[in-house]
Amino acid sequence: MKAVIFIIDMQNYFLREQPDIFRKKLLPNIANLLSAARIGDLEVIHVITRYSCNKSDWPEAWKEQDSIWCLQGSGDEQIIKEVEPLPDEPLIVKTRYSAFYRTPLEDLLRFLQVDTIVLAGYSSDVCVRLTAMDAYNRGYHLIVLSDCVHSAHEKPSSALSYLSRLTNAQVFTCEEF
């Protein structure tokens, strides 16, 4: 098994949406995960959402709007300081919910010869879920760290259960992993 850890959408915009969840759960647990991964030489890939100001990469349904989340230059798109990538850790910039959509992620995973993806970040009912679905459809084995994800719109346990059922993902805590 060759695993890689995805840290998804740990950005200022989402921190402002759910500050308590981020400060009490996600940030400390993901910071611990990153420390352990770096000590253990486990590859980490950071994934963020970032849209350009000229709307060229906005979803069609949003192009008539005046603004969008994680707009380049707004500060919202910035990674939260406590979980910033190291200079040698890859950063994938996405403009849709899945980290695979129109990004170089698949090429990077093939180059790294990865067969297992460990998922952490926000949110387990949107971007984590859709990235997991695309990974599953590409044949990757999935692990979700329950104390390193949280859902935006669903009960967290329901989001995890649904994701596990759809993708056959294994669910562990960070400590169990």
Protein backbone atom coordinates (compact mmCIF):
# COMPACT_ATOMS: atom_id res chain seq x y z
CA MET A 1 0.00 0.00 0.00
CA LYS A 2 1.29 3.45 -0.92
CA ALA A 3 -0.81 6.14 0.70
CA VAL A 4 -1.01 9.89 0.39
CA ILE A 5 -2.87 12.32 2.65
CA PHE A 6 -5.20 14.93 1.17
CA ILE A 7 -5.80 18.05 3.26
CA ILE A 8 -8.87 19.61 1.64
CA ASP A 9 -10.11 23.20 1.85
CA MET A 10 -8.55 24.25 5.13
CA GLN A 11 -9.02 27.89 4.18
CA ASN A 12 -9.97 31.18 5.82
CA TYR A 13 -13.39 31.29 4.15
CA PHE A 14 -14.46 27.99 5.72
CA LEU A 15 -12.87 28.86 9.06
CA ARG A 16 -15.13 31.93 9.19
CA GLU A 17 -18.16 29.74 8.39
CA GLN A 18 -17.60 27.37 11.31
CA PRO A 19 -14.96 28.82 13.63
CA ASP A 20 -15.79 26.62 16.64
CA ILE A 21 -15.55 23.38 14.65
CA PHE A 22 -12.28 24.48 13.08
CA ARG A 23 -10.66 25.71 16.30
CA LYS A 24 -11.80 22.83 18.54
CA LYS A 25 -11.67 19.89 16.13
CA LEU A 26 -10.24 20.32 12.66
CA LEU A 27 -7.21 22.53 13.23
CA PRO A 28 -5.69 20.68 16.20
CA ASN A 29 -6.36 17.23 14.72
CA ILE A 30 -5.12 18.08 11.24
CA ALA A 31 -2.04 19.83 12.69
CA ASN A 32 -1.27 16.61 14.60
CA LEU A 33 -1.87 14.55 11.46
CA LEU A 34 0.50 16.76 9.48
CA SER A 35 3.20 16.47 12.16
CA ALA A 36 2.93 12.68 12.21
CA ALA A 37 2.89 12.44 8.41
CA ARG A 38 5.96 14.64 8.06
CA ILE A 39 7.87 12.68 10.68
CA GLY A 40 6.86 9.42 9.00
CA ASP A 41 7.70 10.65 5.47
CA LEU A 42 4.13 10.21 4.30
CA GLU A 43 3.28 12.33 1.27
CA VAL A 44 0.83 15.18 1.90
CA ILE A 45 -1.13 16.97 -0.83
CA HIS A 46 -2.95 20.17 0.02
CA VAL A 47 -6.09 20.98 -1.96
CA ILE A 48 -7.72 24.41 -2.02
CA THR A 49 -10.51 26.20 -3.80
CA ARG A 50 -9.56 29.42 -5.58
CA TYR A 51 -11.47 31.38 -8.20
CA SER A 52 -10.07 34.10 -10.44
CA CYS A 53 -11.44 37.64 -10.34
CA ASN A 54 -12.30 37.62 -14.07
CA LYS A 55 -14.85 34.77 -13.58
CA SER A 56 -13.18 32.61 -16.26
CA ASP A 57 -13.07 29.59 -13.96
CA TRP A 58 -16.34 30.14 -12.07
CA PRO A 59 -19.10 27.56 -12.39
CA GLU A 60 -21.64 28.69 -15.00
CA ALA A 61 -24.37 28.91 -12.36
CA TRP A 62 -22.31 31.53 -10.47
CA LYS A 63 -21.10 33.75 -13.32
CA GLU A 64 -24.06 36.12 -12.99
CA GLN A 65 -23.27 36.65 -9.29
CA ASP A 66 -21.15 39.52 -8.01
CA SER A 67 -18.91 37.35 -5.86
CA ILE A 68 -17.96 33.79 -5.01
CA TRP A 69 -16.24 32.04 -2.09
CA CYS A 70 -12.45 31.77 -2.05
CA LEU A 71 -11.90 34.53 -4.60
CA GLN A 72 -8.25 35.11 -5.47
CA GLY A 73 -6.83 38.07 -3.58
CA SER A 74 -9.67 38.22 -1.05
CA GLY A 75 -7.78 36.45 1.73
CA ASP A 76 -10.59 33.89 1.88
CA GLU A 77 -8.60 31.57 -0.35
CA GLN A 78 -5.59 31.51 1.96
CA ILE A 79 -4.74 28.33 3.85
CA ILE A 80 -5.16 28.64 7.60
CA LYS A 81 -1.77 29.33 9.18
CA GLU A 82 -1.79 26.32 11.53
CA VAL A 83 -1.98 23.86 8.63
CA GLU A 84 -0.02 25.60 5.88
CA PRO A 85 1.91 23.37 3.49
CA LEU A 86 5.65 23.04 3.65
CA PRO A 87 7.47 24.33 0.54
CA ASP A 88 7.93 20.80 -0.85
CA GLU A 89 4.29 19.71 -0.34
CA PRO A 90 2.16 19.84 -3.48
CA LEU A 91 -0.75 22.27 -3.67
CA ILE A 92 -3.69 21.49 -5.95
CA VAL A 93 -5.93 24.43 -6.80
CA LYS A 94 -9.48 23.47 -7.73
CA THR A 95 -12.45 25.39 -9.05
CA ARG A 96 -15.09 22.75 -8.47
CA TYR A 97 -16.02 20.54 -5.54
CA SER A 98 -13.82 17.61 -6.62
CA ALA A 99 -10.04 17.92 -6.46
CA PHE A 100 -9.85 15.83 -9.64
CA TYR A 101 -11.88 18.15 -11.89
CA ARG A 102 -9.55 19.97 -14.33
CA THR A 103 -6.50 19.73 -12.04
CA PRO A 104 -3.16 17.89 -12.36
CA LEU A 105 -4.03 15.68 -9.37
CA GLU A 106 -4.46 12.44 -11.28
CA ASP A 107 -1.09 12.83 -13.00
CA LEU A 108 0.57 13.56 -9.65
CA LEU A 109 -0.96 10.46 -8.02
CA ARG A 110 0.13 8.29 -10.94
CA PHE A 111 3.67 9.71 -10.70
CA LEU A 112 3.73 8.98 -6.95
CA GLN A 113 2.37 5.45 -7.61
CA VAL A 114 -0.33 5.92 -4.98
CA ASP A 115 -3.08 3.36 -4.42
CA THR A 116 -4.60 4.72 -1.20
CA ILE A 117 -5.86 8.19 -0.35
CA VAL A 118 -6.34 9.36 3.23
CA LEU A 119 -8.90 12.16 3.45
CA ALA A 120 -8.91 15.06 5.88
CA GLY A 121 -10.42 18.53 5.71
CA TYR A 122 -13.64 20.32 5.00
CA SER A 123 -16.33 19.35 4.24
CA SER A 124 -17.27 15.69 4.35
CA ASP A 125 -20.62 16.32 2.69
CA VAL A 126 -19.31 18.45 -0.21
CA CYS A 127 -15.66 18.69 -1.32
CA VAL A 128 -14.29 15.76 0.66
CA ARG A 129 -17.23 13.62 -0.51
CA LEU A 130 -16.96 14.53 -4.19
CA THR A 131 -13.19 14.13 -4.20
CA ALA A 132 -13.66 10.72 -2.55
CA MET A 133 -16.23 9.72 -5.16
CA ASP A 134 -13.90 10.66 -8.01
CA ALA A 135 -11.01 8.82 -6.33
CA TYR A 136 -13.20 5.74 -5.83
CA ASN A 137 -14.28 5.87 -9.50
CA ARG A 138 -10.59 5.88 -10.44
CA GLY A 139 -9.86 2.78 -8.36
CA TYR A 140 -8.17 4.26 -5.30
CA HIS A 141 -8.64 2.80 -1.83
CA LEU A 142 -9.94 5.36 0.63
CA ILE A 143 -9.45 6.10 4.29
CA VAL A 144 -11.38 8.89 6.01
CA LEU A 145 -10.14 10.26 9.32
CA SER A 146 -13.31 10.96 11.27
CA ASP A 147 -11.75 13.49 13.64
CA CYS A 148 -10.11 15.33 10.74
CA VAL A 149 -13.25 15.99 8.68
CA HIS A 150 -16.51 17.79 9.32
CA SER A 151 -19.63 18.37 7.28
CA ALA A 152 -21.14 21.70 6.32
CA HIS A 153 -24.79 20.73 5.81
CA GLU A 154 -25.32 17.24 7.22
CA LYS A 155 -24.92 15.60 10.58
CA PRO A 156 -21.21 14.61 10.63
CA SER A 157 -21.87 10.95 11.46
CA SER A 158 -24.42 10.70 8.62
CA ALA A 159 -21.99 12.26 6.14
CA LEU A 160 -19.27 9.78 7.16
CA SER A 161 -21.61 6.80 7.04
CA TYR A 162 -22.87 7.79 3.59
CA LEU A 163 -19.34 8.34 2.27
CA SER A 164 -18.17 5.01 3.63
CA ARG A 165 -21.16 3.20 2.16
CA LEU A 166 -20.71 4.80 -1.29
CA THR A 167 -16.96 4.25 -1.59
CA ASN A 168 -16.17 1.38 0.77
CA ALA A 169 -13.88 3.83 2.58
CA GLN A 170 -12.38 2.75 5.87
CA VAL A 171 -13.04 5.19 8.69
CA PHE A 172 -10.50 5.70 11.47
CA THR A 173 -9.60 8.40 13.94
CA CYS A 174 -6.26 10.07 13.46
CA GLU A 175 -4.88 8.12 16.43
CA GLU A 176 -6.08 4.79 15.01
CA PHE A 177 -4.51 5.57 11.67
